């Protein structure tokens, strides 16, 4: 088993290179998503080189650390005590975990999902038998409490967004300050011929996803769900696109 989780192409390496090469620009884009964050700073816990670009999931997520030597991202946040029965093993692998800390010391946990092409939004649950039954039950509770469309099977079509939204709402219900951020890379050079996704393509794809769940703008604001589109064809992220292209050359 590899000791590193360094990506090769697509959203995985895009996010890793964003943090390594253009973190200031990325942080600014994220902080501008919410007025409360604008004077804040972002502390990244993954994916970073210090922890071999590994991702948080299952126990490591609830512990808040990928190594015994690192500080838990739960420090200063209210971690729930009743998480053990919430979700079966094999839960979300978080593409990124960060914390926004404002000038007053207020902290918000950021649950981050990165995508590099529009088809990446779609997925079905791969859980088996008992786990799938548990997941469906959890999602039905979320559907009922959130007031979203009840006759849609959340384990189908956009399951990845559904399970991440379930975690977000579970934490918010327990008074954790937390937000979900989609980091969507437009004009990714690896996908430009396979599944070209421009800024307009992303906006249309996200609109369809939200319509599937019956999500309105007011719900997004209330639940702190944000879209952060990174256009790799802009001067602001030219350095990042160059790094992505150089990385692709190494794969040949």
Protein backbone atom coordinates (compact mmCIF):
# COMPACT_ATOMS: atom_id res chain seq x y z
CA UNK A 1 0.00 0.00 0.00
CA UNK A 2 1.30 3.44 -0.94
CA UNK A 3 2.37 5.69 1.93
CA UNK A 4 1.18 8.76 0.08
CA UNK A 5 -2.13 9.85 -1.35
CA UNK A 6 -0.64 12.25 -3.89
CA UNK A 7 -2.94 12.60 -6.88
CA UNK A 8 -2.09 12.06 -10.52
CA UNK A 9 -4.81 13.90 -12.45
CA UNK A 10 -8.16 15.58 -12.02
CA UNK A 11 -9.67 17.08 -8.88
CA UNK A 12 -7.40 15.21 -6.46
CA UNK A 13 -4.16 16.71 -7.75
CA UNK A 14 -5.90 20.03 -8.56
CA UNK A 15 -6.76 20.59 -4.90
CA UNK A 16 -3.37 19.40 -3.67
CA UNK A 17 -1.57 21.76 -6.06
CA UNK A 18 -3.95 24.60 -5.16
CA UNK A 19 -2.93 24.38 -1.51
CA UNK A 20 0.75 23.98 -2.36
CA UNK A 21 1.07 26.55 -5.16
CA UNK A 22 -1.74 29.13 -4.94
CA UNK A 23 -3.03 28.82 -1.40
CA UNK A 24 -3.37 32.60 -0.98
CA UNK A 25 -5.62 32.86 -4.05
CA UNK A 26 -7.62 29.78 -3.07
CA UNK A 27 -8.08 31.00 0.50
CA UNK A 28 -9.28 34.39 -0.74
CA UNK A 29 -11.91 32.75 -2.97
CA UNK A 30 -13.19 30.67 -0.05
CA UNK A 31 -13.17 33.50 2.50
CA UNK A 32 -15.18 35.68 0.11
CA UNK A 33 -17.99 33.10 0.08
CA UNK A 34 -19.25 34.26 3.47
CA UNK A 35 -19.26 37.78 4.94
CA UNK A 36 -18.40 36.42 8.40
CA UNK A 37 -15.15 34.94 7.08
CA UNK A 38 -13.70 37.89 5.19
CA UNK A 39 -11.28 38.95 7.92
CA UNK A 40 -10.36 35.37 8.76
CA UNK A 41 -7.62 32.91 7.96
CA UNK A 42 -7.79 29.31 6.78
CA UNK A 43 -5.90 26.46 8.42
CA UNK A 44 -5.60 23.43 6.13
CA UNK A 45 -5.55 19.94 7.63
CA UNK A 46 -5.82 18.01 4.38
CA UNK A 47 -4.74 17.36 1.71
CA UNK A 48 -1.28 18.57 2.69
CA UNK A 49 2.24 17.22 2.21
CA UNK A 50 2.86 17.05 5.97
CA UNK A 51 0.41 14.13 6.22
CA UNK A 52 1.28 12.63 2.79
CA UNK A 53 -1.87 14.14 1.24
CA UNK A 54 -4.06 11.62 3.08
CA UNK A 55 -7.79 12.21 3.42
CA UNK A 56 -9.99 12.17 6.51
CA UNK A 57 -12.67 9.50 6.73
CA UNK A 58 -14.37 7.32 9.35
CA UNK A 59 -12.28 7.24 12.58
CA UNK A 60 -9.68 9.78 11.45
CA UNK A 61 -12.47 12.27 10.72
CA UNK A 62 -14.03 11.93 14.15
CA UNK A 63 -10.60 12.01 15.82
CA UNK A 64 -9.68 15.05 13.74
CA UNK A 65 -6.11 13.96 13.06
CA UNK A 66 -4.22 11.84 10.53
CA UNK A 67 -1.16 11.46 12.73
CA UNK A 68 -0.72 11.25 16.52
CA UNK A 69 1.71 14.17 16.25
CA UNK A 70 -0.77 16.58 14.67
CA UNK A 71 -3.37 18.77 16.35
CA UNK A 72 -7.00 17.73 15.97
CA UNK A 73 -9.07 20.03 13.80
CA UNK A 74 -11.82 19.63 16.42
CA UNK A 75 -9.86 21.88 18.82
CA UNK A 76 -12.09 24.87 19.50
CA UNK A 77 -15.09 23.18 17.90
CA UNK A 78 -17.86 21.17 19.49
CA UNK A 79 -17.39 17.58 18.34
CA UNK A 80 -20.59 15.50 18.81
CA UNK A 81 -20.52 12.66 21.33
CA UNK A 82 -23.13 10.54 19.56
CA UNK A 83 -21.34 10.05 16.22
CA UNK A 84 -20.49 6.34 16.52
CA UNK A 85 -23.91 5.07 15.43
CA UNK A 86 -24.54 7.80 12.89
CA UNK A 87 -23.00 6.20 9.80
CA UNK A 88 -21.65 2.73 8.90
CA UNK A 89 -17.97 2.21 8.12
CA UNK A 90 -16.91 3.34 4.68
CA UNK A 91 -18.27 6.87 5.02
CA UNK A 92 -17.20 9.91 3.00
CA UNK A 93 -13.54 10.41 2.14
CA UNK A 94 -13.25 14.17 2.49
CA UNK A 95 -11.25 15.71 -0.35
CA UNK A 96 -10.29 18.52 1.97
CA UNK A 97 -10.69 19.57 5.59
CA UNK A 98 -9.93 23.09 6.79
CA UNK A 99 -10.91 25.49 9.54
CA UNK A 100 -11.72 29.19 9.13
CA UNK A 101 -10.66 31.24 12.14
CA UNK A 102 -11.83 34.87 12.32
CA UNK A 103 -10.11 37.77 14.09
CA UNK A 104 -12.37 37.17 17.12
CA UNK A 105 -11.21 33.54 17.40
CA UNK A 106 -14.47 32.14 16.05
CA UNK A 107 -13.93 28.86 14.17
CA UNK A 108 -15.88 27.17 11.37
CA UNK A 109 -15.10 23.68 10.09
CA UNK A 110 -14.96 23.41 6.30
CA UNK A 111 -15.96 20.12 4.68
CA UNK A 112 -14.59 20.27 1.15
CA UNK A 113 -15.42 18.31 -1.98
CA UNK A 114 -13.39 18.98 -5.13
CA UNK A 115 -14.49 18.25 -8.69
CA UNK A 116 -12.72 18.71 -12.02
CA UNK A 117 -15.47 17.79 -14.51
CA UNK A 118 -19.26 17.81 -14.52
CA UNK A 119 -19.78 14.02 -14.85
CA UNK A 120 -17.98 13.65 -11.52
CA UNK A 121 -21.08 14.90 -9.75
CA UNK A 122 -23.01 11.72 -10.48
CA UNK A 123 -22.67 8.51 -8.46
CA UNK A 124 -24.72 5.75 -6.81
CA UNK A 125 -24.05 4.24 -3.40
CA UNK A 126 -21.83 1.14 -3.49
CA UNK A 127 -22.78 0.08 0.05
CA UNK A 128 -23.97 -3.49 0.58
CA UNK A 129 -26.99 -4.94 2.39
CA UNK A 130 -27.03 -3.88 6.06
CA UNK A 131 -24.90 -0.79 5.45
CA UNK A 132 -27.13 0.34 2.60
CA UNK A 133 -30.22 -0.16 4.76
CA UNK A 134 -28.69 1.98 7.52
CA UNK A 135 -27.69 4.67 5.04
CA UNK A 136 -31.16 4.78 3.50
CA UNK A 137 -32.70 5.16 6.94
CA UNK A 138 -30.31 7.99 7.83
CA UNK A 139 -31.00 9.77 4.56
CA UNK A 140 -34.76 9.47 5.00
CA UNK A 141 -34.46 11.18 8.38
CA UNK A 142 -32.43 13.98 6.78
CA UNK A 143 -34.99 14.31 3.98
CA UNK A 144 -37.82 14.64 6.47
CA UNK A 145 -36.06 17.12 8.73
CA UNK A 146 -34.75 19.26 5.89
CA UNK A 147 -38.09 19.47 4.09
CA UNK A 148 -36.59 18.47 0.75
CA UNK A 149 -38.21 16.23 -1.88
CA UNK A 150 -39.22 13.04 -0.08
CA UNK A 151 -39.78 10.67 -3.02
CA UNK A 152 -36.22 10.88 -4.39
CA UNK A 153 -33.78 8.04 -3.62
CA UNK A 154 -30.73 9.80 -2.22
CA UNK A 155 -28.56 6.70 -2.68
CA UNK A 156 -28.89 7.13 -6.45
CA UNK A 157 -27.61 9.60 -9.04
CA UNK A 158 -26.09 12.23 -6.73
CA UNK A 159 -25.26 10.03 -3.76
CA UNK A 160 -21.90 11.67 -3.03
CA UNK A 161 -23.53 15.03 -2.46
CA UNK A 162 -26.32 13.39 -0.44
CA UNK A 163 -24.03 11.67 2.05
CA UNK A 164 -21.89 14.76 2.51
CA UNK A 165 -24.99 16.85 3.07
CA UNK A 166 -26.11 14.26 5.64
CA UNK A 167 -22.87 14.75 7.60
CA UNK A 168 -23.18 18.53 7.32
CA UNK A 169 -26.73 18.56 8.67
CA UNK A 170 -25.91 16.02 11.41
CA UNK A 171 -23.13 18.29 12.67
CA UNK A 172 -25.22 21.46 12.41
CA UNK A 173 -28.04 19.83 14.34
CA UNK A 174 -25.51 19.30 17.14
CA UNK A 175 -24.50 22.97 17.08
CA UNK A 176 -21.15 22.49 15.31
CA UNK A 177 -20.14 25.53 13.26
CA UNK A 178 -19.57 23.88 9.91
CA UNK A 179 -19.93 24.61 6.19
CA UNK A 180 -19.75 22.54 3.03
CA UNK A 181 -17.70 23.91 0.12
CA UNK A 182 -17.71 22.55 -3.42
CA UNK A 183 -14.42 23.51 -5.10
CA UNK A 184 -15.17 23.15 -8.80
CA UNK A 185 -12.29 23.41 -11.27
CA UNK A 186 -13.35 24.80 -14.64
CA UNK A 187 -11.27 24.18 -17.79
CA UNK A 188 -9.15 21.44 -16.26
CA UNK A 189 -6.53 20.45 -18.90
CA UNK A 190 -6.84 16.72 -18.17
CA UNK A 191 -10.58 16.71 -18.82
CA UNK A 192 -10.85 19.29 -21.60
CA UNK A 193 -11.16 16.60 -24.31
CA UNK A 194 -12.82 13.87 -22.20
CA UNK A 195 -15.54 15.92 -20.49
CA UNK A 196 -14.95 19.62 -21.05
CA UNK A 197 -16.37 21.64 -18.15
CA UNK A 198 -16.40 25.41 -18.41
CA UNK A 199 -17.73 27.82 -15.80
CA UNK A 200 -21.11 27.81 -17.59
CA UNK A 201 -21.08 23.99 -17.68
CA UNK A 202 -20.51 23.92 -13.92
CA UNK A 203 -23.32 26.36 -13.24
CA UNK A 204 -25.73 24.28 -15.33
CA UNK A 205 -24.63 20.95 -13.79
CA UNK A 206 -24.94 22.28 -10.24
CA UNK A 207 -28.39 23.68 -11.03
CA UNK A 208 -29.55 20.22 -12.15
CA UNK A 209 -28.12 18.61 -9.02
CA UNK A 210 -29.94 21.06 -6.75
CA UNK A 211 -33.19 20.57 -8.66
CA UNK A 212 -32.92 16.81 -8.10
CA UNK A 213 -32.99 17.37 -4.32
CA UNK A 214 -35.44 20.26 -4.44
CA UNK A 215 -32.85 22.61 -2.98
CA UNK A 216 -33.51 26.35 -3.21
CA UNK A 217 -31.13 29.26 -2.69
CA UNK A 218 -32.55 29.95 0.78
CA UNK A 219 -31.70 26.39 1.85
CA UNK A 220 -28.10 26.80 0.65
CA UNK A 221 -27.66 30.01 2.63
CA UNK A 222 -29.31 28.59 5.75
CA UNK A 223 -27.20 25.41 5.72
CA UNK A 224 -23.91 27.07 4.69
CA UNK A 225 -23.48 25.22 1.39
CA UNK A 226 -21.20 27.08 -1.02
CA UNK A 227 -19.92 26.68 -4.58
CA UNK A 228 -16.40 27.90 -5.27
CA UNK A 229 -15.66 27.77 -9.00
CA UNK A 230 -11.96 28.01 -9.87
CA UNK A 231 -11.54 29.06 -13.51
CA UNK A 232 -8.14 27.77 -14.61
CA UNK A 233 -8.26 30.00 -17.69
CA UNK A 234 -8.03 33.19 -15.63
CA UNK A 235 -4.82 35.04 -14.86
CA UNK A 236 -5.51 34.56 -11.15
CA UNK A 237 -5.03 30.79 -11.48
CA UNK A 238 -2.62 30.67 -14.44
CA UNK A 239 0.15 29.46 -12.11
CA UNK A 240 -2.05 26.60 -10.94
CA UNK A 241 -2.94 25.53 -14.49
CA UNK A 242 0.74 25.55 -15.41
CA UNK A 243 1.52 23.30 -12.42
CA UNK A 244 -1.30 20.93 -13.41
CA UNK A 245 0.02 20.70 -16.98
CA UNK A 246 3.58 20.06 -15.75
CA UNK A 247 2.26 17.30 -13.50
CA UNK A 248 0.44 15.69 -16.45
CA UNK A 249 3.67 15.66 -18.45
CA UNK A 250 5.29 13.57 -15.70
CA UNK A 251 2.59 10.91 -16.15
CA UNK A 252 3.45 10.26 -19.80
